[in-house]
Protein backbone atom coordinates (compact mmCIF):
# COMPACT_ATOMS: atom_id res chain seq x y z
CA ALA A 1 2.60 -16.05 7.88
CA ILE A 2 0.22 -13.81 7.84
CA SER A 3 0.09 -13.27 11.70
CA ALA A 4 4.09 -13.38 11.56
CA ALA A 5 4.38 -10.77 9.06
CA ASN A 6 5.04 -7.05 9.28
CA VAL A 7 3.56 -6.00 6.23
CA VAL A 8 1.67 -8.64 3.85
CA LEU A 9 1.52 -8.27 0.33
CA LEU A 10 -1.48 -10.01 -1.20
CA VAL A 11 -0.85 -10.92 -4.66
CA MET A 12 -4.06 -11.30 -7.29
CA ASP A 13 -3.99 -12.48 -10.56
CA ALA A 14 -5.40 -10.06 -13.08
CA GLN A 15 -6.51 -12.75 -15.38
CA GLU A 16 -8.37 -14.41 -12.80
CA GLY A 17 -10.07 -11.17 -11.40
CA ILE A 18 -11.04 -10.82 -7.90
CA THR A 19 -12.02 -14.33 -6.52
CA ASP A 20 -13.91 -15.55 -3.59
CA GLN A 21 -10.20 -16.78 -1.88
CA ASP A 22 -8.84 -13.39 -2.25
CA ALA A 23 -11.64 -11.63 -0.18
CA SER A 24 -11.46 -14.17 2.18
CA LEU A 25 -7.47 -13.66 2.49
CA ALA A 26 -7.59 -10.07 2.53
CA GLY A 27 -10.44 -10.23 5.19
CA TYR A 28 -8.20 -12.43 7.30
CA ILE A 29 -5.38 -10.06 6.90
CA VAL A 30 -7.60 -6.85 8.03
CA GLU A 31 -8.89 -9.16 11.28
CA SER A 32 -5.04 -9.90 11.94
CA GLY A 33 -4.46 -6.11 12.05
CA ARG A 34 -1.47 -6.73 9.53
CA ALA A 35 -0.25 -3.68 6.97
CA LEU A 36 -1.50 -4.30 3.62
CA VAL A 37 -0.04 -3.85 -0.06
CA LEU A 38 -2.58 -5.14 -2.81
CA VAL A 39 -0.22 -6.31 -5.69
CA ILE A 40 -2.45 -7.17 -8.94
CA ASN A 41 0.32 -9.27 -11.39
CA LYS A 42 -0.59 -9.92 -15.03
CA CYS A 43 -1.80 -6.69 -15.56
CA ASP A 44 0.22 -6.50 -18.86
CA GLY A 45 -2.04 -8.27 -20.96
CA LEU A 46 -5.11 -6.55 -19.97
CA SER A 47 -7.36 -4.37 -22.49
CA ASN A 48 -8.70 -1.28 -21.26
CA ASP A 49 -12.31 -2.62 -20.62
CA GLN A 50 -10.71 -5.53 -18.61
CA LYS A 51 -8.65 -2.89 -16.41
CA THR A 52 -12.01 -1.21 -15.81
CA LYS A 53 -13.91 -4.26 -14.80
CA LEU A 54 -10.76 -5.06 -12.22
CA ALA A 55 -11.14 -1.95 -10.86
CA ARG A 56 -14.93 -1.91 -10.56
CA ASP A 57 -14.46 -5.51 -8.82
CA LEU A 58 -11.76 -3.86 -6.30
CA ASP A 59 -14.58 -1.24 -5.39
CA LEU A 60 -17.52 -3.92 -5.04
CA LYS A 61 -15.66 -6.85 -3.30
CA LEU A 62 -12.80 -5.33 -1.59
CA HIS A 63 -14.31 -1.82 -0.37
CA PHE A 64 -12.77 -2.56 2.93
CA LEU A 65 -9.57 -2.24 1.74
CA ASN A 66 -9.67 1.33 0.79
CA PHE A 67 -6.61 2.37 2.88
CA ALA A 68 -4.41 -0.14 1.12
CA LYS A 69 -2.33 0.77 -1.71
CA VAL A 70 -2.96 -1.02 -4.98
CA HIS A 71 0.13 -1.90 -7.63
CA GLN A 72 -0.51 -3.42 -10.91
CA VAL A 73 2.64 -4.84 -11.50
CA SER A 74 3.80 -7.48 -14.44
CA ALA A 75 6.50 -10.18 -13.00
CA ARG A 76 7.07 -11.49 -16.44
CA HIS A 77 8.25 -7.96 -17.73
CA GLY A 78 9.09 -6.33 -14.13
CA THR A 79 6.69 -3.51 -14.76
CA GLY A 80 5.68 -1.64 -11.37
CA VAL A 81 7.53 -4.02 -9.49
CA GLY A 82 10.40 -1.37 -8.26
CA LEU A 83 7.70 0.44 -6.44
CA LEU A 84 6.34 -2.10 -4.33
CA PHE A 85 9.19 -1.34 -1.94
CA ASP A 86 8.08 2.35 -1.29
CA SER A 87 4.55 1.11 -0.26
CA VAL A 88 6.12 -1.63 1.76
CA HIS A 89 7.97 0.82 3.69
CA ARG A 90 5.27 3.28 3.98
CA ALA A 91 2.68 0.75 5.07
CA TYR A 92 5.44 -0.39 7.80
CA ASP A 93 6.15 3.29 8.89
CA SER A 94 2.31 4.05 9.29
CA ALA A 95 1.66 0.52 11.17
CA THR A 96 4.42 1.19 13.95
CA ARG A 97 3.72 5.10 13.73
CA ASP A 98 3.71 6.82 17.43
CA LEU A 99 0.35 8.79 17.96
CA VAL A 100 -0.06 11.45 20.12
CA THR A 101 -2.84 11.45 22.18
CA HIS A 102 -3.87 15.24 21.91
CA ASP A 103 -3.93 14.78 18.58
CA LEU A 104 -6.30 11.63 18.77
CA THR A 105 -8.46 13.42 20.87
CA CYS A 106 -8.96 16.53 18.51
CA LEU A 107 -9.77 14.37 15.99
CA LEU A 108 -12.06 12.62 17.91
CA GLU A 109 -13.81 15.56 18.91
CA ALA A 110 -14.29 16.88 15.10
CA ALA A 111 -15.63 13.43 14.34
CA LEU A 112 -18.33 13.73 17.04
CA TYR A 113 -18.95 17.34 15.96
CA ALA A 114 -19.41 16.05 12.42
CA HIS A 115 -21.23 13.00 13.04
CA GLN A 116 -22.91 12.49 16.75
CA PRO A 117 -23.09 9.02 17.83
CA PRO A 118 -26.62 7.50 17.98
CA LEU A 119 -28.51 7.23 21.34
CA VAL A 120 -28.69 4.10 23.28
CA ARG A 121 -32.11 3.44 25.22
CA GLY A 122 -32.46 7.24 25.27
CA ARG A 123 -29.40 8.29 26.16
CA ARG A 124 -26.44 9.68 23.89
CA ILE A 125 -23.02 8.10 23.75
CA LYS A 126 -20.55 10.34 25.19
CA LEU A 127 -16.92 10.11 24.17
CA ARG A 128 -14.56 11.84 26.00
CA TYR A 129 -10.79 11.08 24.73
CA ALA A 130 -8.56 8.88 22.61
CA HIS A 131 -4.92 7.58 22.97
CA GLN A 132 -2.78 4.80 21.38
CA GLY A 133 -3.28 1.36 23.05
CA GLY A 134 -0.73 -0.28 20.19
CA LYS A 135 1.17 -0.61 17.71
CA SER A 136 1.29 -2.62 14.43
CA PRO A 137 -1.40 -2.46 14.14
CA PRO A 138 -2.05 1.00 15.31
CA VAL A 139 -4.98 0.79 18.03
CA VAL A 140 -6.92 3.57 19.23
CA VAL A 141 -8.38 3.34 22.27
CA ILE A 142 -11.56 5.44 22.95
CA HIS A 143 -12.82 6.34 26.69
CA GLY A 144 -16.19 7.55 27.22
CA ASN A 145 -19.69 5.95 28.73
CA GLN A 146 -21.38 3.48 26.85
CA THR A 147 -18.27 2.66 24.57
CA HIS A 148 -19.50 -0.87 24.52
CA GLU A 149 -22.97 0.06 23.22
CA ILE A 150 -21.41 2.17 20.03
CA PRO A 151 -22.88 0.16 17.07
CA GLY A 152 -20.68 -1.39 14.52
CA SER A 153 -21.31 1.40 11.76
CA TYR A 154 -20.15 4.38 14.00
CA ARG A 155 -17.11 2.28 15.09
CA LEU A 156 -16.55 1.87 11.31
CA TYR A 157 -16.92 5.53 10.58
CA LEU A 158 -14.56 6.68 13.58
CA GLU A 159 -12.02 3.87 12.23
CA ASN A 160 -12.24 5.66 8.80
CA VAL A 161 -11.71 9.04 10.23
CA PHE A 162 -8.55 7.96 12.05
CA ARG A 163 -7.23 6.20 9.51
CA ARG A 164 -7.77 9.19 6.65
CA GLU A 165 -7.04 12.07 9.20
CA VAL A 166 -3.60 10.29 10.33
CA ASN A 167 -2.70 9.04 7.08
CA LEU A 168 -2.59 4.94 7.96
CA GLU A 169 -2.32 2.93 5.19
């Protein structure tokens, strides 16, 4: 169902907290490249301390989902449910957006200026330009030399820069 969806709503139970299964499903959703909206149900019965603990658990266990919109809802009372559709539409629009090559290349240059790629065998990785390689999920292809040598941490840095600057959800 995840691979066939355009936007995935990951519904979690606030009473149980963030479980290992929730984190595993979230990881699968990210790997499949689907647009994502987090929904935390049963929030109406939580105390302020429990809400604080839930927010802390979200930051700790699902830190890799910092781009996804989080909604706290109560299915029983209907609280917050109507706001889900706006987030679903924004996530879909974000996943199917056309990105301009010039803008992506400028973002790449700014990211390189702020934080240079590491040296590999004494030589600096040179990244030249970026363009869109696909939609749903949006794929940014970066050209240069030794691109296959880019470490995962630097790849994550570039991913976060593009996600933040292009407002991808």
